[in-house]
Every structure is written in C-alpha cells, then in structure tokens.
N, C-alpha and C. Protein backbone atom coordinates (compact mmCIF):
# COMPACT_ATOMS: atom_id res chain seq x y z
N MET A 1 1.15 -19.19 -14.95
CA MET A 1 1.69 -19.13 -13.61
C MET A 1 0.60 -19.55 -12.62
N ASP A 2 0.99 -20.22 -11.59
CA ASP A 2 0.08 -20.68 -10.56
C ASP A 2 -0.33 -19.51 -9.65
N SER A 3 -1.62 -19.34 -9.44
CA SER A 3 -2.11 -18.21 -8.64
C SER A 3 -1.63 -18.30 -7.20
N TYR A 4 -1.42 -19.49 -6.67
CA TYR A 4 -0.92 -19.63 -5.31
C TYR A 4 0.54 -19.21 -5.20
N ASP A 5 1.30 -19.36 -6.26
CA ASP A 5 2.67 -18.85 -6.28
C ASP A 5 2.66 -17.33 -6.24
N ILE A 6 1.72 -16.72 -6.93
CA ILE A 6 1.59 -15.26 -6.93
C ILE A 6 1.21 -14.78 -5.53
N VAL A 7 0.24 -15.42 -4.91
CA VAL A 7 -0.17 -15.05 -3.55
C VAL A 7 1.00 -15.19 -2.59
N SER A 8 1.73 -16.26 -2.72
CA SER A 8 2.88 -16.49 -1.84
C SER A 8 3.93 -15.39 -1.97
N ALA A 9 4.13 -14.89 -3.17
CA ALA A 9 5.15 -13.86 -3.40
C ALA A 9 4.65 -12.45 -3.10
N ALA A 10 3.34 -12.27 -2.97
CA ALA A 10 2.76 -10.93 -2.81
C ALA A 10 2.86 -10.45 -1.36
N ASP A 11 2.97 -9.12 -1.22
CA ASP A 11 2.87 -8.50 0.10
C ASP A 11 1.41 -8.25 0.45
N VAL A 12 0.62 -7.87 -0.55
CA VAL A 12 -0.80 -7.59 -0.41
C VAL A 12 -1.50 -8.12 -1.65
N VAL A 13 -2.68 -8.70 -1.49
CA VAL A 13 -3.44 -9.21 -2.62
C VAL A 13 -4.64 -8.29 -2.85
N LEU A 14 -4.82 -7.86 -4.08
CA LEU A 14 -5.90 -6.96 -4.47
C LEU A 14 -6.75 -7.68 -5.50
N THR A 15 -8.05 -7.84 -5.19
CA THR A 15 -8.93 -8.55 -6.11
C THR A 15 -10.22 -7.77 -6.35
N PHE A 16 -10.93 -8.21 -7.37
CA PHE A 16 -12.21 -7.60 -7.75
C PHE A 16 -13.36 -8.59 -7.57
N GLY A 17 -13.22 -9.52 -6.65
CA GLY A 17 -14.28 -10.48 -6.40
C GLY A 17 -13.88 -11.93 -6.61
N SER A 18 -12.67 -12.14 -7.04
CA SER A 18 -12.19 -13.49 -7.27
C SER A 18 -12.05 -14.25 -5.95
N THR A 19 -12.23 -15.54 -5.99
CA THR A 19 -12.07 -16.34 -4.77
C THR A 19 -10.63 -16.33 -4.26
N ILE A 20 -9.69 -15.95 -5.09
CA ILE A 20 -8.30 -15.90 -4.62
C ILE A 20 -8.15 -14.86 -3.51
N GLY A 21 -9.04 -13.89 -3.44
CA GLY A 21 -9.00 -12.90 -2.37
C GLY A 21 -9.23 -13.50 -1.00
N ILE A 22 -10.21 -14.37 -0.87
CA ILE A 22 -10.48 -15.01 0.41
C ILE A 22 -9.45 -16.11 0.68
N GLU A 23 -8.96 -16.74 -0.36
CA GLU A 23 -7.92 -17.74 -0.18
C GLU A 23 -6.63 -17.09 0.31
N ALA A 24 -6.31 -15.91 -0.21
CA ALA A 24 -5.13 -15.18 0.27
C ALA A 24 -5.28 -14.83 1.74
N ALA A 25 -6.47 -14.41 2.14
CA ALA A 25 -6.73 -14.10 3.56
C ALA A 25 -6.51 -15.34 4.41
N TYR A 26 -6.99 -16.47 3.93
CA TYR A 26 -6.83 -17.73 4.66
C TYR A 26 -5.36 -18.08 4.85
N TYR A 27 -4.55 -17.76 3.85
CA TYR A 27 -3.11 -18.04 3.93
C TYR A 27 -2.33 -16.95 4.64
N GLY A 28 -3.04 -15.99 5.25
CA GLY A 28 -2.37 -14.98 6.07
C GLY A 28 -1.84 -13.77 5.34
N LYS A 29 -2.33 -13.53 4.14
CA LYS A 29 -1.92 -12.35 3.38
C LYS A 29 -2.97 -11.26 3.54
N PRO A 30 -2.55 -10.00 3.65
CA PRO A 30 -3.54 -8.93 3.62
C PRO A 30 -4.26 -8.95 2.27
N SER A 31 -5.56 -8.92 2.30
CA SER A 31 -6.35 -9.02 1.08
C SER A 31 -7.30 -7.83 1.01
N ILE A 32 -7.29 -7.16 -0.14
CA ILE A 32 -8.16 -6.00 -0.36
C ILE A 32 -9.14 -6.37 -1.46
N LEU A 33 -10.41 -6.25 -1.15
CA LEU A 33 -11.48 -6.58 -2.10
C LEU A 33 -12.09 -5.31 -2.66
N LEU A 34 -12.06 -5.17 -3.97
CA LEU A 34 -12.59 -3.97 -4.62
C LEU A 34 -13.94 -4.18 -5.29
N GLY A 35 -14.35 -5.40 -5.45
CA GLY A 35 -15.64 -5.67 -6.09
C GLY A 35 -16.55 -6.40 -5.13
N ARG A 36 -17.68 -6.84 -5.62
CA ARG A 36 -18.62 -7.61 -4.80
C ARG A 36 -18.19 -9.07 -4.81
N ALA A 37 -18.35 -9.71 -3.65
CA ALA A 37 -18.03 -11.13 -3.54
C ALA A 37 -18.86 -11.73 -2.41
N VAL A 38 -19.10 -13.01 -2.47
CA VAL A 38 -19.89 -13.67 -1.44
C VAL A 38 -19.21 -13.59 -0.08
N TYR A 39 -17.91 -13.36 -0.06
CA TYR A 39 -17.16 -13.32 1.20
C TYR A 39 -16.91 -11.91 1.72
N GLU A 40 -17.52 -10.90 1.12
CA GLU A 40 -17.21 -9.51 1.47
C GLU A 40 -17.54 -9.13 2.90
N ASP A 41 -18.45 -9.81 3.54
CA ASP A 41 -18.86 -9.46 4.90
C ASP A 41 -18.27 -10.39 5.97
N LEU A 42 -17.33 -11.22 5.61
CA LEU A 42 -16.77 -12.16 6.57
C LEU A 42 -15.74 -11.54 7.51
N GLY A 43 -15.20 -10.39 7.15
CA GLY A 43 -14.23 -9.72 8.00
C GLY A 43 -12.79 -10.14 7.78
N SER A 44 -12.53 -10.93 6.78
CA SER A 44 -11.18 -11.40 6.51
C SER A 44 -10.42 -10.53 5.51
N CYS A 45 -11.14 -9.66 4.82
CA CYS A 45 -10.54 -8.82 3.79
C CYS A 45 -10.85 -7.35 4.07
N TYR A 46 -9.97 -6.50 3.63
CA TYR A 46 -10.26 -5.07 3.64
C TYR A 46 -11.22 -4.79 2.49
N VAL A 47 -12.24 -3.99 2.75
CA VAL A 47 -13.22 -3.64 1.73
C VAL A 47 -13.35 -2.11 1.74
N PRO A 48 -12.44 -1.42 1.05
CA PRO A 48 -12.50 0.05 1.06
C PRO A 48 -13.78 0.55 0.41
N SER A 49 -14.34 1.60 0.98
CA SER A 49 -15.60 2.13 0.46
C SER A 49 -15.40 3.30 -0.49
N SER A 50 -14.15 3.71 -0.69
CA SER A 50 -13.89 4.82 -1.60
C SER A 50 -12.48 4.70 -2.17
N HIS A 51 -12.23 5.47 -3.20
CA HIS A 51 -10.90 5.51 -3.80
C HIS A 51 -9.88 6.02 -2.79
N ASP A 52 -10.25 7.05 -2.02
CA ASP A 52 -9.35 7.59 -1.01
C ASP A 52 -8.97 6.54 0.04
N GLU A 53 -9.95 5.77 0.47
CA GLU A 53 -9.68 4.72 1.45
C GLU A 53 -8.75 3.66 0.88
N LEU A 54 -8.94 3.30 -0.38
CA LEU A 54 -8.05 2.36 -1.04
C LEU A 54 -6.63 2.91 -1.10
N MET A 55 -6.49 4.16 -1.49
CA MET A 55 -5.16 4.76 -1.59
C MET A 55 -4.46 4.80 -0.23
N LYS A 56 -5.21 5.06 0.83
CA LYS A 56 -4.62 5.05 2.18
C LYS A 56 -4.14 3.66 2.55
N LEU A 57 -4.93 2.64 2.22
CA LEU A 57 -4.52 1.27 2.49
C LEU A 57 -3.25 0.91 1.74
N LEU A 58 -3.22 1.23 0.45
CA LEU A 58 -2.08 0.86 -0.38
C LEU A 58 -0.81 1.63 -0.02
N SER A 59 -0.97 2.84 0.49
CA SER A 59 0.21 3.64 0.81
C SER A 59 0.68 3.46 2.25
N SER A 60 -0.12 2.77 3.06
CA SER A 60 0.29 2.55 4.44
C SER A 60 1.39 1.49 4.49
N SER A 61 2.32 1.70 5.38
CA SER A 61 3.37 0.70 5.52
C SER A 61 2.94 -0.34 6.54
N GLY A 62 3.19 -1.56 6.24
CA GLY A 62 2.89 -2.63 7.18
C GLY A 62 1.43 -2.97 7.32
N ILE A 63 0.69 -3.00 6.22
CA ILE A 63 -0.72 -3.43 6.29
C ILE A 63 -0.75 -4.89 6.77
N LEU A 64 -1.53 -5.13 7.79
CA LEU A 64 -1.57 -6.45 8.41
C LEU A 64 -2.75 -7.27 7.88
N PRO A 65 -2.59 -8.58 7.87
CA PRO A 65 -3.72 -9.43 7.48
C PRO A 65 -4.83 -9.31 8.51
N LYS A 66 -6.06 -9.43 8.05
CA LYS A 66 -7.19 -9.45 8.97
C LYS A 66 -7.40 -10.88 9.46
N ASN A 67 -8.34 -11.06 10.35
CA ASN A 67 -8.61 -12.36 10.93
C ASN A 67 -8.96 -13.39 9.85
N TYR A 68 -8.20 -14.43 9.78
CA TYR A 68 -8.40 -15.43 8.73
C TYR A 68 -9.38 -16.54 9.13
N LEU A 69 -9.84 -16.55 10.37
CA LEU A 69 -10.71 -17.65 10.83
C LEU A 69 -12.03 -17.70 10.06
N ALA A 70 -12.55 -16.55 9.66
CA ALA A 70 -13.80 -16.55 8.90
C ALA A 70 -13.59 -16.98 7.46
N ALA A 71 -12.35 -16.97 7.01
CA ALA A 71 -12.05 -17.37 5.63
C ALA A 71 -12.26 -18.86 5.47
C-alpha cells in the first residue's frame, strides 16, 4: 500500500521518527512524533514528552494540524 494513501485516509498520523511524519504535517495532517527525528524541533508535529501526554492527545477530539510551513 502507498504510504501517501494511508496519510490521506488518516485523521492523525503517529510515527516513531519516519519521514512520513513530517510529510504528513506538510500535507496538513496532525502528526504525532514518538521517537527522535531530525525534524522534531521544527514545530510542525506534536512531540509528547510522556505517555500521559500522548494519551491526552489521542483522546482529544478535533486535534488540529500544527503549522506546516516549517515542514
């Protein structure tokens, strides 16, 4: 399956450092990064610092994409 088709169909993209995380942000999808990545400090992805913070993000309704310009 094409990864861009998956991103297109997703409400939120969750990655562990893959470049698809920043690409999803660029395409306007909320992106949550759980691992280390070269793009972690760009401000385009959510980077939860704890399990509790991740659970709050995932359980919140209407998580919005972050600024995609840095992507």
